[in-house]
């Protein structure tokens, strides 16, 4: 399936940028979008996130035959974001890393075990003084 066909399948207002096609969505819509892009020729590429004021900006990236398709959303503090790991197993590590670094919780997961931290350590290391994001 072509990137254009995938964008049409997902719907929404896609904007072409230098690094691919981007669509702003509500965080609650991401699971439906993840299911819609689950077609031949598309693979999950990454989940990126960073603090934006008191909110968190998420960007889910998929590769469609060399074209990057990205859905981005803002989440309020403490807001759980739907997990896409059940649809895209490759997202498991990215979601676990997001939990460790930014204390993000994902709804729809049985558990989100630590990836980088020990079980007894508190998530959100990049949000604490001395964390990379605080520099």
N, C-alpha and C. Protein backbone atom coordinates (compact mmCIF):
# COMPACT_ATOMS: atom_id res chain seq x y z
N UNK A 1 0.85 -1.18 0.00
CA UNK A 1 0.00 0.00 0.00
C UNK A 1 0.90 1.24 0.00
N UNK A 2 0.55 2.23 -0.74
CA UNK A 2 1.35 3.45 -0.81
C UNK A 2 1.09 4.33 0.42
N UNK A 3 2.01 5.24 0.67
CA UNK A 3 1.85 6.17 1.79
C UNK A 3 0.58 7.01 1.61
N UNK A 4 0.30 7.40 0.40
CA UNK A 4 -0.91 8.19 0.15
C UNK A 4 -2.16 7.37 0.48
N UNK A 5 -2.17 6.10 0.09
CA UNK A 5 -3.32 5.24 0.39
C UNK A 5 -3.47 5.04 1.90
N UNK A 6 -2.36 4.91 2.60
CA UNK A 6 -2.42 4.77 4.07
C UNK A 6 -2.97 6.05 4.69
N UNK A 7 -2.50 7.20 4.24
CA UNK A 7 -3.02 8.48 4.77
C UNK A 7 -4.52 8.58 4.53
N UNK A 8 -4.97 8.20 3.36
CA UNK A 8 -6.41 8.23 3.06
C UNK A 8 -7.17 7.26 3.95
N UNK A 9 -6.60 6.10 4.20
CA UNK A 9 -7.23 5.10 5.06
C UNK A 9 -7.39 5.63 6.49
N UNK A 10 -6.36 6.33 6.99
CA UNK A 10 -6.39 6.89 8.34
C UNK A 10 -7.32 8.10 8.40
N UNK A 11 -7.30 8.93 7.36
CA UNK A 11 -8.08 10.17 7.37
C UNK A 11 -7.34 11.25 8.13
N UNK A 12 -7.99 12.36 8.33
CA UNK A 12 -7.38 13.47 9.05
C UNK A 12 -6.65 14.42 8.11
N UNK A 13 -6.08 15.44 8.71
CA UNK A 13 -5.39 16.48 7.95
C UNK A 13 -3.89 16.22 8.03
N UNK A 14 -3.33 15.63 7.01
CA UNK A 14 -1.91 15.34 6.95
C UNK A 14 -1.17 16.52 6.35
N UNK A 15 -0.02 16.82 6.91
CA UNK A 15 0.82 17.93 6.44
C UNK A 15 2.17 17.36 6.05
N UNK A 16 2.62 17.72 4.86
CA UNK A 16 3.94 17.25 4.42
C UNK A 16 5.01 18.14 5.01
N UNK A 17 6.02 17.52 5.62
CA UNK A 17 7.18 18.21 6.18
C UNK A 17 8.42 17.63 5.51
N UNK A 18 9.56 18.19 5.83
CA UNK A 18 10.80 17.71 5.20
C UNK A 18 11.11 16.26 5.56
N UNK A 19 10.58 15.78 6.69
CA UNK A 19 10.87 14.42 7.12
C UNK A 19 9.69 13.46 6.97
N UNK A 20 8.69 13.83 6.20
CA UNK A 20 7.57 12.93 5.96
C UNK A 20 6.24 13.64 6.15
N UNK A 21 5.20 12.84 6.41
CA UNK A 21 3.85 13.34 6.57
C UNK A 21 3.44 13.27 8.03
N UNK A 22 2.86 14.35 8.54
CA UNK A 22 2.47 14.46 9.94
C UNK A 22 0.98 14.77 10.06
N UNK A 23 0.37 14.19 11.10
CA UNK A 23 -1.04 14.44 11.38
C UNK A 23 -1.20 14.64 12.89
N UNK A 24 -1.79 15.74 13.30
CA UNK A 24 -2.06 15.98 14.72
C UNK A 24 -3.39 15.32 15.08
N UNK A 25 -3.38 14.57 16.19
CA UNK A 25 -4.56 13.83 16.63
C UNK A 25 -4.73 14.01 18.13
N UNK A 26 -5.86 13.57 18.65
CA UNK A 26 -6.04 13.49 20.09
C UNK A 26 -5.39 12.18 20.54
N UNK A 27 -4.77 12.18 21.71
CA UNK A 27 -4.05 10.98 22.16
C UNK A 27 -4.95 9.75 22.22
N UNK A 28 -6.21 9.94 22.53
CA UNK A 28 -7.15 8.82 22.59
C UNK A 28 -7.42 8.15 21.25
N UNK A 29 -7.04 8.80 20.17
CA UNK A 29 -7.27 8.25 18.83
C UNK A 29 -6.14 7.35 18.34
N UNK A 30 -5.02 7.30 19.07
CA UNK A 30 -3.83 6.65 18.52
C UNK A 30 -4.02 5.16 18.30
N UNK A 31 -4.77 4.48 19.11
CA UNK A 31 -4.94 3.04 18.91
C UNK A 31 -5.70 2.77 17.61
N UNK A 32 -6.73 3.54 17.33
CA UNK A 32 -7.46 3.38 16.07
C UNK A 32 -6.55 3.67 14.87
N UNK A 33 -5.71 4.68 15.01
CA UNK A 33 -4.77 5.01 13.93
C UNK A 33 -3.76 3.89 13.76
N UNK A 34 -3.23 3.37 14.86
CA UNK A 34 -2.27 2.27 14.79
C UNK A 34 -2.87 1.06 14.10
N UNK A 35 -4.12 0.79 14.35
CA UNK A 35 -4.81 -0.33 13.68
C UNK A 35 -5.02 -0.04 12.20
N UNK A 36 -5.32 1.21 11.88
CA UNK A 36 -5.57 1.58 10.48
C UNK A 36 -4.31 1.50 9.62
N UNK A 37 -3.14 1.77 10.21
CA UNK A 37 -1.90 1.73 9.43
C UNK A 37 -1.29 0.33 9.41
N UNK A 38 -1.94 -0.63 10.07
CA UNK A 38 -1.43 -2.01 10.12
C UNK A 38 -1.79 -2.71 8.81
N UNK A 39 -1.05 -2.39 7.76
CA UNK A 39 -1.26 -2.96 6.43
C UNK A 39 0.10 -3.35 5.85
N UNK A 40 0.06 -4.16 4.78
CA UNK A 40 1.31 -4.55 4.11
C UNK A 40 2.08 -3.32 3.66
N UNK A 41 3.39 -3.37 3.84
CA UNK A 41 4.25 -2.28 3.42
C UNK A 41 4.50 -1.23 4.48
N UNK A 42 3.86 -1.37 5.65
CA UNK A 42 4.05 -0.39 6.73
C UNK A 42 4.68 -1.11 7.92
N UNK A 43 5.64 -0.43 8.57
CA UNK A 43 6.24 -0.97 9.78
C UNK A 43 6.35 0.13 10.82
N UNK A 44 6.22 -0.26 12.08
CA UNK A 44 6.39 0.69 13.17
C UNK A 44 7.86 1.08 13.23
N UNK A 45 8.13 2.38 13.31
CA UNK A 45 9.52 2.85 13.33
C UNK A 45 9.95 3.32 14.71
N UNK A 46 9.13 4.14 15.38
CA UNK A 46 9.56 4.69 16.66
C UNK A 46 8.41 5.42 17.36
N UNK A 47 8.60 5.60 18.65
CA UNK A 47 7.77 6.50 19.45
C UNK A 47 8.73 7.51 20.05
N UNK A 48 8.49 8.77 19.78
CA UNK A 48 9.30 9.82 20.40
C UNK A 48 8.39 10.68 21.26
N UNK A 49 8.96 11.22 22.32
CA UNK A 49 8.17 12.11 23.17
C UNK A 49 9.10 13.05 23.91
N UNK A 50 8.53 14.20 24.26
CA UNK A 50 9.29 15.18 25.03
C UNK A 50 8.32 16.12 25.72
N UNK A 51 8.75 16.65 26.87
CA UNK A 51 7.91 17.59 27.59
C UNK A 51 7.70 18.87 26.77
N UNK A 52 6.51 19.37 26.85
CA UNK A 52 6.17 20.65 26.21
C UNK A 52 5.33 21.43 27.22
N UNK A 53 5.99 22.31 27.94
CA UNK A 53 5.32 22.98 29.06
C UNK A 53 5.03 21.93 30.12
N UNK A 54 3.80 21.89 30.62
CA UNK A 54 3.45 20.87 31.61
C UNK A 54 2.84 19.63 30.95
N UNK A 55 2.80 19.60 29.63
CA UNK A 55 2.24 18.47 28.89
C UNK A 55 3.35 17.65 28.26
N UNK A 56 2.99 16.53 27.68
CA UNK A 56 3.94 15.67 26.98
C UNK A 56 3.49 15.55 25.51
N UNK A 57 4.44 15.78 24.61
CA UNK A 57 4.16 15.62 23.18
C UNK A 57 4.65 14.24 22.75
N UNK A 58 3.75 13.46 22.17
CA UNK A 58 4.04 12.13 21.65
C UNK A 58 4.05 12.18 20.12
N UNK A 59 4.91 11.39 19.52
CA UNK A 59 4.90 11.23 18.06
C UNK A 59 5.16 9.76 17.75
N UNK A 60 4.17 9.13 17.13
CA UNK A 60 4.28 7.74 16.71
C UNK A 60 4.65 7.75 15.24
N UNK A 61 5.72 7.04 14.89
CA UNK A 61 6.25 7.07 13.52
C UNK A 61 6.14 5.69 12.88
N UNK A 62 5.67 5.68 11.65
CA UNK A 62 5.64 4.46 10.84
C UNK A 62 6.34 4.72 9.52
N UNK A 63 6.99 3.70 9.01
CA UNK A 63 7.63 3.76 7.70
C UNK A 63 6.75 3.03 6.70
N UNK A 64 6.42 3.70 5.63
CA UNK A 64 5.64 3.09 4.54
C UNK A 64 6.47 3.20 3.28
N UNK A 65 7.20 2.14 2.99
CA UNK A 65 8.02 2.08 1.78
C UNK A 65 8.93 3.29 1.64
N UNK A 66 9.58 3.65 2.74
CA UNK A 66 10.53 4.75 2.72
C UNK A 66 9.94 6.12 3.00
N UNK A 67 8.65 6.21 3.24
CA UNK A 67 7.99 7.47 3.58
C UNK A 67 7.57 7.42 5.04
N UNK A 68 7.99 8.41 5.82
CA UNK A 68 7.65 8.45 7.23
C UNK A 68 6.27 9.05 7.43
N UNK A 69 5.42 8.33 8.16
CA UNK A 69 4.09 8.80 8.53
C UNK A 69 4.07 8.95 10.04
N UNK A 70 3.70 10.13 10.52
CA UNK A 70 3.76 10.41 11.95
C UNK A 70 2.43 10.96 12.44
N UNK A 71 1.93 10.38 13.52
CA UNK A 71 0.76 10.91 14.22
C UNK A 71 1.28 11.48 15.53
N UNK A 72 0.94 12.75 15.82
CA UNK A 72 1.41 13.37 17.05
C UNK A 72 0.24 13.85 17.89
N UNK A 73 0.46 13.84 19.21
CA UNK A 73 -0.60 14.24 20.13
C UNK A 73 0.03 14.81 21.41
N UNK A 74 -0.71 15.66 22.07
CA UNK A 74 -0.32 16.18 23.38
C UNK A 74 -1.14 15.46 24.45
N UNK A 75 -0.49 15.18 25.57
CA UNK A 75 -1.18 14.56 26.70
C UNK A 75 -0.98 15.43 27.93
N UNK A 76 -2.02 15.56 28.72
CA UNK A 76 -1.95 16.32 29.96
C UNK A 76 -1.16 15.56 31.02
N UNK A 77 -0.66 16.26 32.03
CA UNK A 77 0.08 15.59 33.09
C UNK A 77 -0.74 14.46 33.72
N UNK A 78 -0.12 13.30 33.86
CA UNK A 78 -0.78 12.17 34.47
C UNK A 78 -1.76 11.43 33.59
N UNK A 79 -1.99 11.92 32.39
CA UNK A 79 -2.94 11.29 31.48
C UNK A 79 -2.34 10.01 30.89
N UNK A 80 -3.06 8.91 31.01
CA UNK A 80 -2.62 7.66 30.38
C UNK A 80 -2.91 7.75 28.89
N UNK A 81 -2.00 7.22 28.12
CA UNK A 81 -2.11 7.22 26.66
C UNK A 81 -2.35 5.77 26.22
N UNK A 82 -3.21 5.55 25.23
CA UNK A 82 -3.44 4.18 24.80
C UNK A 82 -2.16 3.50 24.32
N UNK A 83 -1.99 2.26 24.71
CA UNK A 83 -0.87 1.47 24.25
C UNK A 83 -1.16 0.95 22.84
N UNK A 84 -0.13 0.93 21.99
CA UNK A 84 -0.28 0.33 20.66
C UNK A 84 0.51 -0.98 20.58
N UNK A 85 1.13 -1.40 21.69
CA UNK A 85 1.98 -2.59 21.67
C UNK A 85 1.20 -3.86 21.32
N UNK A 86 -0.07 -3.91 21.62
CA UNK A 86 -0.87 -5.08 21.24
C UNK A 86 -1.07 -5.18 19.74
N UNK A 87 -1.05 -4.05 19.06
CA UNK A 87 -1.19 -4.01 17.60
C UNK A 87 0.17 -4.04 16.92
N UNK A 88 1.11 -3.30 17.51
CA UNK A 88 2.48 -3.21 16.98
C UNK A 88 3.43 -3.67 18.08
N UNK A 89 3.76 -4.97 18.17
CA UNK A 89 4.63 -5.47 19.24
C UNK A 89 5.96 -4.72 19.35
N UNK A 90 6.45 -4.17 18.25
CA UNK A 90 7.71 -3.41 18.29
C UNK A 90 7.61 -2.16 19.14
N UNK A 91 6.41 -1.72 19.47
CA UNK A 91 6.22 -0.53 20.30
C UNK A 91 6.41 -0.83 21.78
N UNK A 92 6.51 -2.11 22.14
CA UNK A 92 6.65 -2.48 23.55
C UNK A 92 7.85 -1.80 24.20
N UNK A 93 9.01 -1.91 23.59
CA UNK A 93 10.21 -1.32 24.18
C UNK A 93 10.09 0.20 24.27
N UNK A 94 9.54 0.82 23.23
CA UNK A 94 9.40 2.28 23.23
C UNK A 94 8.47 2.73 24.36
N UNK A 95 7.40 2.01 24.59
CA UNK A 95 6.48 2.37 25.67
C UNK A 95 7.13 2.15 27.04
N UNK A 96 7.88 1.08 27.18
CA UNK A 96 8.58 0.83 28.44
C UNK A 96 9.64 1.90 28.69
N UNK A 97 10.34 2.31 27.65
CA UNK A 97 11.34 3.38 27.79
C UNK A 97 10.67 4.69 28.18
N UNK A 98 9.52 4.99 27.57
CA UNK A 98 8.77 6.21 27.90
C UNK A 98 8.35 6.21 29.37
N UNK A 99 7.95 5.06 29.87
CA UNK A 99 7.60 4.92 31.28
C UNK A 99 8.82 5.21 32.15
N UNK A 100 9.95 4.61 31.81
CA UNK A 100 11.16 4.80 32.62
C UNK A 100 11.62 6.25 32.63
N UNK A 101 11.70 6.85 31.48
CA UNK A 101 12.27 8.19 31.37
C UNK A 101 11.30 9.31 31.73
N UNK A 102 10.01 9.15 31.40
CA UNK A 102 9.06 10.25 31.59
C UNK A 102 7.86 9.91 32.47
N UNK A 103 7.85 8.73 33.09
CA UNK A 103 6.75 8.31 33.98
C UNK A 103 5.40 8.30 33.27
N UNK A 104 5.42 7.98 31.99
CA UNK A 104 4.19 7.90 31.21
C UNK A 104 3.52 6.56 31.47
N UNK A 105 2.20 6.55 31.59
CA UNK A 105 1.48 5.30 31.72
C UNK A 105 0.67 5.06 30.44
N UNK A 106 0.56 3.79 30.09
CA UNK A 106 -0.14 3.40 28.87
C UNK A 106 -1.33 2.52 29.25
N UNK A 107 -2.51 2.93 28.81
CA UNK A 107 -3.70 2.14 29.11
C UNK A 107 -3.83 1.01 28.10
N UNK A 108 -4.39 -0.10 28.56
CA UNK A 108 -4.58 -1.25 27.69
C UNK A 108 -3.45 -2.27 27.79
N UNK A 109 -2.49 -2.02 28.64
CA UNK A 109 -1.39 -2.97 28.87
C UNK A 109 -1.66 -3.68 30.20
N UNK A 110 -1.36 -4.95 30.28
CA UNK A 110 -1.44 -5.66 31.56
C UNK A 110 -0.43 -5.09 32.53
N UNK A 111 0.77 -4.80 32.02
CA UNK A 111 1.82 -4.19 32.83
C UNK A 111 2.81 -3.51 31.89
N UNK A 112 3.56 -2.59 32.45
CA UNK A 112 4.63 -1.94 31.69
C UNK A 112 5.90 -2.10 32.52
N UNK A 113 6.56 -3.26 32.38
CA UNK A 113 7.76 -3.49 33.19
C UNK A 113 8.88 -2.54 32.80
N UNK A 114 9.75 -2.22 33.74
CA UNK A 114 10.87 -1.33 33.43
C UNK A 114 11.73 -1.90 32.30
N UNK A 115 12.29 -1.02 31.53
CA UNK A 115 13.22 -1.42 30.48
C UNK A 115 14.65 -1.08 30.91
N UNK A 116 14.85 0.16 31.37
CA UNK A 116 16.18 0.63 31.75
C UNK A 116 16.37 0.68 33.27
N UNK A 117 15.30 0.80 34.01
CA UNK A 117 15.38 0.93 35.46
C UNK A 117 15.26 -0.42 36.15
N UNK A 118 15.61 -0.44 37.41
CA UNK A 118 15.34 -1.61 38.24
C UNK A 118 13.88 -1.52 38.69
N UNK A 119 13.33 -2.63 39.04
CA UNK A 119 11.92 -2.70 39.44
C UNK A 119 11.59 -1.73 40.57
N UNK A 120 12.52 -1.55 41.51
CA UNK A 120 12.26 -0.70 42.68
C UNK A 120 12.48 0.79 42.41
N UNK A 121 13.03 1.16 41.27
CA UNK A 121 13.30 2.57 40.97
C UNK A 121 12.03 3.27 40.48
N UNK A 122 11.93 4.54 40.77
CA UNK A 122 10.77 5.35 40.40
C UNK A 122 10.90 5.84 38.96
N UNK A 123 9.87 5.64 38.14
CA UNK A 123 9.91 6.14 36.76
C UNK A 123 9.99 7.66 36.71
N UNK A 124 10.47 8.18 35.59
CA UNK A 124 10.53 9.62 35.37
C UNK A 124 11.91 10.20 35.56
N UNK A 125 12.95 9.43 35.27
CA UNK A 125 14.31 9.90 35.55
C UNK A 125 14.67 11.17 34.80
N UNK A 126 14.13 11.40 33.62
CA UNK A 126 14.49 12.61 32.87
C UNK A 126 13.69 13.84 33.31
N UNK A 127 12.77 13.64 34.21
CA UNK A 127 11.98 14.76 34.72
C UNK A 127 12.50 15.26 36.07
N UNK A 128 13.46 14.56 36.64
CA UNK A 128 14.01 14.91 37.95
C UNK A 128 15.22 15.83 37.80
N UNK A 129 15.54 16.58 38.83
CA UNK A 129 16.76 17.40 38.79
C UNK A 129 17.96 16.54 38.45
N UNK A 130 18.77 17.03 37.55
CA UNK A 130 19.94 16.27 37.09
C UNK A 130 19.64 15.39 35.91
N UNK A 131 18.35 15.20 35.57
CA UNK A 131 17.99 14.43 34.40
C UNK A 131 18.34 15.19 33.14
N UNK A 132 18.51 14.52 32.07
CA UNK A 132 18.92 15.12 30.81
C UNK A 132 18.02 16.27 30.38
N UNK A 133 16.72 16.14 30.57
CA UNK A 133 15.77 17.17 30.15
C UNK A 133 15.87 18.43 30.99
N UNK A 134 16.48 18.32 32.18
CA UNK A 134 16.60 19.47 33.07
C UNK A 134 17.81 20.33 32.76
N UNK A 135 18.72 19.84 31.94
CA UNK A 135 19.97 20.55 31.65
C UNK A 135 19.72 21.82 30.87
